C-alpha atoms as a PDB file:
ATOM      1  CA  MET A   1      11.848  36.022  37.478  1.00  0.00           C
ATOM      2  CA  SER A   2      13.480  32.666  36.909  1.00  0.00           C
ATOM      3  CA  GLY A   3      11.506  29.563  37.821  1.00  0.00           C
ATOM      4  CA  GLY A   4       9.206  31.517  39.962  1.00  0.00           C
ATOM      5  CA  ARG A   5      12.108  33.116  41.768  1.00  0.00           C
ATOM      6  CA  ALA A   6      12.989  36.565  41.881  1.00  0.00           C
ATOM      7  CA  LYS A   7      16.868  37.384  40.850  1.00  0.00           C
ATOM      8  CA  PRO A   8      19.009  39.307  43.225  1.00  0.00           C
ATOM      9  CA  ASP A   9      19.237  43.072  42.185  1.00  0.00           C
ATOM     10  CA  LEU A  10      22.803  43.767  41.046  1.00  0.00           C
ATOM     11  CA  THR A  11      22.501  47.173  40.343  1.00  0.00           C
ATOM     12  CA  PHE A  12      24.456  48.539  43.098  1.00  0.00           C
ATOM     13  CA  VAL A  13      27.316  46.247  42.350  1.00  0.00           C
ATOM     14  CA  THR A  14      27.453  46.981  38.743  1.00  0.00           C
ATOM     15  CA  LEU A  15      27.661  50.660  39.682  1.00  0.00           C
ATOM     16  CA  ILE A  16      30.495  50.080  41.758  1.00  0.00           C
ATOM     17  CA  HIS A  17      32.114  48.372  39.075  1.00  0.00           C
ATOM     18  CA  GLN A  18      31.399  50.993  36.402  1.00  0.00           C
ATOM     19  CA  SER A  19      32.948  53.775  38.972  1.00  0.00           C
ATOM     20  CA  LEU A  20      35.985  51.723  39.629  1.00  0.00           C
ATOM     21  CA  ARG A  21      36.733  50.940  35.958  1.00  0.00           C
ATOM     22  CA  THR A  22      35.865  54.819  34.852  1.00  0.00           C
ATOM     23  CA  ASP A  23      38.125  56.369  37.623  1.00  0.00           C
ATOM     24  CA  ALA A  24      40.852  54.190  37.299  1.00  0.00           C
ATOM     25  CA  ALA A  25      41.435  55.496  33.675  1.00  0.00           C
ATOM     26  CA  ARG A  26      40.643  59.223  34.780  1.00  0.00           C
ATOM     27  CA  LEU A  27      43.200  58.996  37.420  1.00  0.00           C
ATOM     28  CA  ALA A  28      45.971  57.542  34.957  1.00  0.00           C
ATOM     29  CA  ALA A  29      44.933  60.261  32.489  1.00  0.00           C
ATOM     30  CA  ALA A  30      45.109  63.013  34.961  1.00  0.00           C
ATOM     31  CA  VAL A  31      48.516  62.111  36.445  1.00  0.00           C
ATOM     32  CA  ALA A  32      49.952  61.800  32.726  1.00  0.00           C
ATOM     33  CA  ALA A  33      48.483  65.228  31.933  1.00  0.00           C
ATOM     34  CA  LEU A  34      50.304  67.118  34.801  1.00  0.00           C
ATOM     35  CA  GLY A  35      53.070  69.516  34.383  1.00  0.00           C
ATOM     36  CA  PRO A  36      55.618  70.960  36.664  1.00  0.00           C
ATOM     37  CA  SER A  37      53.477  73.726  37.895  1.00  0.00           C
ATOM     38  CA  ASP A  38      50.722  71.669  38.733  1.00  0.00           C
ATOM     39  CA  ARG A  39      52.670  69.591  41.466  1.00  0.00           C
ATOM     40  CA  PRO A  40      51.440  72.156  44.246  1.00  0.00           C
ATOM     41  CA  THR A  41      48.089  72.778  42.787  1.00  0.00           C
ATOM     42  CA  ARG A  42      46.401  69.981  41.037  1.00  0.00           C
ATOM     43  CA  LEU A  43      48.446  67.158  42.517  1.00  0.00           C
ATOM     44  CA  PRO A  44      47.309  67.366  45.863  1.00  0.00           C
ATOM     45  CA  GLY A  45      43.691  67.060  44.794  1.00  0.00           C
ATOM     46  CA  ILE A  46      44.460  63.985  42.686  1.00  0.00           C
ATOM     47  CA  GLN A  47      45.937  62.438  45.630  1.00  0.00           C
ATOM     48  CA  ALA A  48      43.202  62.950  47.701  1.00  0.00           C
ATOM     49  CA  PHE A  49      40.877  61.747  45.160  1.00  0.00           C
ATOM     50  CA  PHE A  50      42.971  58.660  44.977  1.00  0.00           C
ATOM     51  CA  GLY A  51      42.633  58.325  48.885  1.00  0.00           C
ATOM     52  CA  HIS A  52      38.854  57.839  48.486  1.00  0.00           C
ATOM     53  CA  TYR A  53      39.325  55.696  45.556  1.00  0.00           C
ATOM     54  CA  ARG A  54      41.489  53.570  47.365  1.00  0.00           C
ATOM     55  CA  GLU A  55      39.425  53.070  50.214  1.00  0.00           C
ATOM     56  CA  GLN A  56      36.268  52.257  48.151  1.00  0.00           C
ATOM     57  CA  LEU A  57      38.167  49.405  46.298  1.00  0.00           C
ATOM     58  CA  ALA A  58      39.524  48.094  49.479  1.00  0.00           C
ATOM     59  CA  MET A  59      36.187  48.054  50.997  1.00  0.00           C
ATOM     60  CA  HIS A  60      34.455  46.610  48.060  1.00  0.00           C
ATOM     61  CA  HIS A  61      37.220  43.804  48.246  1.00  0.00           C
ATOM     62  CA  SER A  62      36.757  43.307  51.979  1.00  0.00           C
ATOM     63  CA  HIS A  63      32.960  43.072  51.659  1.00  0.00           C
ATOM     64  CA  GLU A  64      33.370  40.287  48.803  1.00  0.00           C
ATOM     65  CA  ASP A  65      35.905  38.587  50.761  1.00  0.00           C
ATOM     66  CA  GLU A  66      33.942  38.416  54.064  1.00  0.00           C
ATOM     67  CA  LEU A  67      30.341  38.497  52.946  1.00  0.00           C
ATOM     68  CA  PHE A  68      29.485  38.257  49.350  1.00  0.00           C
ATOM     69  CA  PHE A  69      31.988  35.470  48.098  1.00  0.00           C
ATOM     70  CA  PRO A  70      31.789  32.989  51.039  1.00  0.00           C
ATOM     71  CA  ALA A  71      27.870  33.018  50.914  1.00  0.00           C
ATOM     72  CA  LEU A  72      27.820  32.250  47.028  1.00  0.00           C
ATOM     73  CA  ALA A  73      30.683  29.609  47.467  1.00  0.00           C
ATOM     74  CA  ALA A  74      28.458  27.796  50.225  1.00  0.00           C
ATOM     75  CA  ARG A  75      25.888  27.430  47.529  1.00  0.00           C
ATOM     76  CA  VAL A  76      27.561  27.191  44.308  1.00  0.00           C
ATOM     77  CA  GLY A  77      31.180  25.658  45.274  1.00  0.00           C
ATOM     78  CA  ALA A  78      34.206  27.576  45.339  1.00  0.00           C
ATOM     79  CA  GLY A  79      35.645  26.128  42.139  1.00  0.00           C
ATOM     80  CA  ARG A  80      32.679  27.054  40.019  1.00  0.00           C
ATOM     81  CA  MET A  81      32.915  30.766  40.981  1.00  0.00           C
ATOM     82  CA  HIS A  82      36.689  30.675  40.545  1.00  0.00           C
ATOM     83  CA  LEU A  83      37.032  31.874  44.106  1.00  0.00           C
ATOM     84  CA  SER A  84      40.801  31.170  44.346  1.00  0.00           C
ATOM     85  CA  GLU A  85      41.530  33.280  41.159  1.00  0.00           C
ATOM     86  CA  LEU A  86      39.563  36.094  42.366  1.00  0.00           C
ATOM     87  CA  ALA A  87      41.203  35.986  45.749  1.00  0.00           C
ATOM     88  CA  GLY A  88      44.630  35.935  44.106  1.00  0.00           C
ATOM     89  CA  GLN A  89      43.611  39.290  41.905  1.00  0.00           C
ATOM     90  CA  HIS A  90      42.750  40.810  44.977  1.00  0.00           C
ATOM     91  CA  GLU A  91      46.295  40.218  46.410  1.00  0.00           C
ATOM     92  CA  ALA A  92      47.712  41.546  42.892  1.00  0.00           C
ATOM     93  CA  LEU A  93      45.561  44.596  43.187  1.00  0.00           C
ATOM     94  CA  ASP A  94      46.795  45.413  46.825  1.00  0.00           C
ATOM     95  CA  ALA A  95      50.412  45.419  45.634  1.00  0.00           C
ATOM     96  CA  ALA A  96      49.621  47.422  42.638  1.00  0.00           C
ATOM     97  CA  ILE A  97      47.590  49.818  44.899  1.00  0.00           C
ATOM     98  CA  GLN A  98      50.691  50.236  47.025  1.00  0.00           C
ATOM     99  CA  ALA A  99      52.747  50.853  44.208  1.00  0.00           C
ATOM    100  CA  VAL A 100      50.597  53.776  43.220  1.00  0.00           C
ATOM    101  CA  CYS A 101      50.760  55.496  46.720  1.00  0.00           C
ATOM    102  CA  GLU A 102      54.479  55.250  46.705  1.00  0.00           C
ATOM    103  CA  ALA A 103      54.462  56.585  43.310  1.00  0.00           C
ATOM    104  CA  LEU A 104      52.328  59.536  43.933  1.00  0.00           C
ATOM    105  CA  ALA A 105      54.098  60.469  47.047  1.00  0.00           C
ATOM    106  CA  SER A 106      57.524  60.376  44.840  1.00  0.00           C
ATOM    107  CA  LEU A 107      55.625  62.796  42.475  1.00  0.00           C
ATOM    108  CA  ALA A 108      54.618  65.007  45.138  1.00  0.00           C
ATOM    109  CA  ASP A 109      58.433  65.488  46.345  1.00  0.00           C
ATOM    110  CA  PRO A 110      59.867  68.771  44.945  1.00  0.00           C
ATOM    111  CA  ALA A 111      63.340  67.422  45.306  1.00  0.00           C
ATOM    112  CA  GLY A 112      62.394  64.522  42.586  1.00  0.00           C
ATOM    113  CA  ASP A 113      62.704  64.585  38.990  1.00  0.00           C
ATOM    114  CA  PHE A 114      59.066  65.341  37.983  1.00  0.00           C
ATOM    115  CA  ALA A 115      59.089  63.832  34.394  1.00  0.00           C
ATOM    116  CA  ALA A 116      60.375  60.626  35.571  1.00  0.00           C
ATOM    117  CA  ASP A 117      58.255  60.504  38.915  1.00  0.00           C
ATOM    118  CA  ARG A 118      55.190  61.271  36.664  1.00  0.00           C
ATOM    119  CA  ALA A 119      55.844  58.835  34.110  1.00  0.00           C
ATOM    120  CA  GLN A 120      56.276  56.145  37.166  1.00  0.00           C
ATOM    121  CA  ALA A 121      53.099  57.474  38.894  1.00  0.00           C
ATOM    122  CA  ALA A 122      51.022  57.273  35.399  1.00  0.00           C
ATOM    123  CA  GLY A 123      52.303  53.650  34.764  1.00  0.00           C
ATOM    124  CA  ALA A 124      51.481  52.520  38.172  1.00  0.00           C
ATOM    125  CA  LEU A 125      47.956  53.710  37.560  1.00  0.00           C
ATOM    126  CA  SER A 126      48.019  52.210  34.082  1.00  0.00           C
ATOM    127  CA  THR A 127      48.990  48.732  35.823  1.00  0.00           C
ATOM    128  CA  MET A 128      46.496  49.017  38.175  1.00  0.00           C
ATOM    129  CA  ALA A 129      43.517  49.862  35.799  1.00  0.00           C
ATOM    130  CA  ASP A 130      44.624  46.768  33.830  1.00  0.00           C
ATOM    131  CA  LEU A 131      44.747  44.671  36.652  1.00  0.00           C
ATOM    132  CA  LEU A 132      41.304  45.877  38.063  1.00  0.00           C
ATOM    133  CA  ALA A 133      39.778  45.491  34.694  1.00  0.00           C
ATOM    134  CA  ALA A 134      40.704  41.890  34.254  1.00  0.00           C
ATOM    135  CA  HIS A 135      39.406  41.333  37.817  1.00  0.00           C
ATOM    136  CA  LEU A 136      36.112  42.995  37.477  1.00  0.00           C
ATOM    137  CA  THR A 137      35.705  41.074  34.026  1.00  0.00           C
ATOM    138  CA  LEU A 138      36.083  37.678  35.647  1.00  0.00           C
ATOM    139  CA  GLU A 139      33.654  38.595  38.463  1.00  0.00           C
ATOM    140  CA  GLU A 140      31.025  39.610  35.837  1.00  0.00           C
ATOM    141  CA  GLN A 141      31.753  36.282  34.005  1.00  0.00           C
ATOM    142  CA  THR A 142      31.559  33.821  36.676  1.00  0.00           C
ATOM    143  CA  ALA A 143      30.542  35.476  40.256  1.00  0.00           C
ATOM    144  CA  LEU A 144      27.826  37.825  39.229  1.00  0.00           C
ATOM    145  CA  PRO A 145      25.726  35.465  36.965  1.00  0.00           C
ATOM    146  CA  LEU A 146      25.978  32.601  39.699  1.00  0.00           C
ATOM    147  CA  PHE A 147      24.586  35.311  42.411  1.00  0.00           C
ATOM    148  CA  GLU A 148      21.489  35.637  39.713  1.00  0.00           C
ATOM    149  CA  SER A 149      21.059  31.981  39.338  1.00  0.00           C
ATOM    150  CA  GLY A 150      22.215  30.512  42.651  1.00  0.00           C
ATOM    151  CA  MET A 151      20.902  32.933  45.367  1.00  0.00           C
ATOM    152  CA  ALA A 152      17.509  34.262  46.377  1.00  0.00           C
ATOM    153  CA  ALA A 153      16.811  37.957  46.044  1.00  0.00           C
ATOM    154  CA  ALA A 154      16.068  38.030  49.882  1.00  0.00           C
ATOM    155  CA  ASP A 155      19.232  36.538  50.621  1.00  0.00           C
ATOM    156  CA  TYR A 156      21.083  38.868  48.544  1.00  0.00           C
ATOM    157  CA  LYS A 157      19.526  41.701  49.771  1.00  0.00           C
ATOM    158  CA  GLN A 158      20.503  40.745  53.528  1.00  0.00           C
ATOM    159  CA  LEU A 159      24.118  40.584  52.320  1.00  0.00           C
ATOM    160  CA  GLU A 160      23.773  44.148  50.936  1.00  0.00           C
ATOM    161  CA  ALA A 161      22.118  45.130  54.135  1.00  0.00           C
ATOM    162  CA  ARG A 162      25.106  43.871  56.285  1.00  0.00           C
ATOM    163  CA  ALA A 163      27.649  45.367  53.926  1.00  0.00           C
ATOM    164  CA  ARG A 164      25.853  48.853  54.290  1.00  0.00           C
ATOM    165  CA  LYS A 165      25.910  48.480  58.103  1.00  0.00           C
ATOM    166  CA  ALA A 166      29.854  47.779  57.903  1.00  0.00           C
ATOM    167  CA  THR A 167      30.421  50.585  55.817  1.00  0.00           C
ATOM    168  CA  PRO A 168      31.930  53.522  57.997  1.00  0.00           C
ATOM    169  CA  ARG A 169      29.796  56.780  57.602  1.00  0.00           C
ATOM    170  CA  ALA A 170      32.943  58.610  56.330  1.00  0.00           C
ATOM    171  CA  ARG A 171      33.076  56.319  53.341  1.00  0.00           C
ATOM    172  CA  ALA A 172      29.481  56.188  52.691  1.00  0.00           C
ATOM    173  CA  GLN A 173      29.695  60.036  52.256  1.00  0.00           C
ATOM    174  CA  PHE A 174      31.931  59.459  49.133  1.00  0.00           C
ATOM    175  CA  LEU A 175      30.436  56.140  48.228  1.00  0.00           C
ATOM    176  CA  VAL A 176      26.870  57.256  47.576  1.00  0.00           C
ATOM    177  CA  PRO A 177      27.582  60.512  45.235  1.00  0.00           C
ATOM    178  CA  TRP A 178      30.436  58.560  43.521  1.00  0.00           C
ATOM    179  CA  ALA A 179      28.348  55.482  42.477  1.00  0.00           C
ATOM    180  CA  ILE A 180      25.496  57.691  41.403  1.00  0.00           C
ATOM    181  CA  ALA A 181      27.546  60.015  39.328  1.00  0.00           C
ATOM    182  CA  HIS A 182      28.669  57.279  37.203  1.00  0.00           C
ATOM    183  CA  ALA A 183      25.052  55.770  36.832  1.00  0.00           C
ATOM    184  CA  THR A 184      22.742  55.845  33.913  1.00  0.00           C
ATOM    185  CA  PRO A 185      19.439  57.532  34.420  1.00  0.00           C
ATOM    186  CA  ASP A 186      17.679  53.805  34.697  1.00  0.00           C
ATOM    187  CA  GLN A 187      20.391  52.735  36.944  1.00  0.00           C
ATOM    188  CA  ARG A 188      19.960  55.916  39.374  1.00  0.00           C
ATOM    189  CA  LYS A 189      16.318  55.301  39.441  1.00  0.00           C
ATOM    190  CA  ALA A 190      16.406  51.742  39.993  1.00  0.00           C
ATOM    191  CA  LEU A 191      19.252  52.153  43.027  1.00  0.00           C
ATOM    192  CA  LEU A 192      17.066  55.275  44.768  1.00  0.00           C
ATOM    193  CA  ARG A 193      14.122  53.163  44.633  1.00  0.00           C
ATOM    194  CA  SER A 194      15.803  50.006  46.125  1.00  0.00           C
ATOM    195  CA  ALA A 195      17.276  52.028  48.984  1.00  0.00           C
ATOM    196  CA  PRO A 196      15.461  55.233  49.547  1.00  0.00           C
ATOM    197  CA  PRO A 197      17.845  56.440  52.256  1.00  0.00           C
ATOM    198  CA  LEU A 198      20.377  56.844  49.805  1.00  0.00           C
ATOM    199  CA  ARG A 199      18.406  59.805  48.168  1.00  0.00           C
ATOM    200  CA  LEU A 200      19.409  61.914  51.328  1.00  0.00           C
ATOM    201  CA  ALA A 201      22.998  60.818  51.441  1.00  0.00           C
ATOM    202  CA  TYR A 202      23.268  61.665  47.926  1.00  0.00           C
ATOM    203  CA  ARG A 203      21.819  65.167  48.505  1.00  0.00           C
ATOM    204  CA  LEU A 204      23.855  65.741  51.504  1.00  0.00           C
ATOM    205  CA  ASN A 205      27.309  64.619  50.065  1.00  0.00           C
ATOM    206  CA  LEU A 206      27.077  65.560  46.552  1.00  0.00           C
ATOM    207  CA  ARG A 207      28.502  69.042  46.628  1.00  0.00           C
ATOM    208  CA  ARG A 208      31.627  67.832  48.645  1.00  0.00           C
ATOM    209  CA  TYR A 209      32.109  64.914  46.199  1.00  0.00           C
ATOM    210  CA  ARG A 210      32.043  67.139  43.146  1.00  0.00           C
ATOM    211  CA  ARG A 211      34.873  69.312  44.701  1.00  0.00           C
ATOM    212  CA  LEU A 212      36.948  66.140  45.032  1.00  0.00           C
ATOM    213  CA  ASP A 213      35.805  64.802  41.602  1.00  0.00           C
ATOM    214  CA  GLN A 214      37.144  68.247  39.971  1.00  0.00           C
ATOM    215  CA  ALA A 215      40.726  67.247  40.305  1.00  0.00           C
ATOM    216  CA  LEU A 216      40.047  64.593  37.598  1.00  0.00           C
ATOM    217  CA  VAL A 217      38.583  66.988  35.089  1.00  0.00           C
ATOM    218  CA  PRO A 218      41.002  67.917  32.465  1.00  0.00           C
ATOM    219  CA  VAL A 219      42.089  71.575  32.577  1.00  0.00           C
ATOM    220  CA  THR A 220      40.419  72.299  29.263  1.00  0.00           C
ATOM    221  CA  GLU A 221      36.983  71.141  30.437  1.00  0.00           C
ATOM    222  CA  GLN A 222      36.894  73.241  33.541  1.00  0.00           C
ATOM    223  CA  PRO A 223      34.917  76.512  34.039  1.00  0.00           C
ATOM    224  CA  GLY A 224      36.824  79.428  32.721  1.00  0.00           C
ATOM    225  CA  ALA A 225      39.291  77.256  30.492  1.00  0.00           C
ATOM    226  CA  GLY A 226      40.471  78.420  27.247  1.00  0.00           C
END
């Protein structure tokens, strides 16, 4: 409590940031570790996972641009929350994601130079990860503290409800287990307590998520390796 007013619960957005950061690095590492024989086997799984990751990042940005950031700017002012800089970073990330898509497509082409295409794809993912880290850090240093100090908990909860309603079911099927997979035990308890329907969504979609996530697990850590 601050001045008798409850602060917004930022557990979910914090988890999204954790998930985005962690898996940007995992994607880059997974691609860098590929060998020529992995092109028809492991690479399709990495591409599938990246497709879901890309959708989550795009949805996160659209919810910020259309819901969360305008509501915060109306309360604290666009300049105070560095809105123009945050919007510019969204545009830079859009370009970086497109570069990753093109690089992965080239890497999947059996007629291409595998080593060169792998280096290009890993580099594109590393660039995306660096841009993303800078963007998330700016949000965490500017926007998130202002949500806590400048917005009532009930108003923030309404924004989260609108974001959930705007989330297509197919994307939620990945989103829920993905976010919970990156949570600490305390974060997981807080999230499931704040939105009980997430527990069912987690249980229903966990197996499919784990199959997708397996593509990013290093070969040496997979069952039967070694």
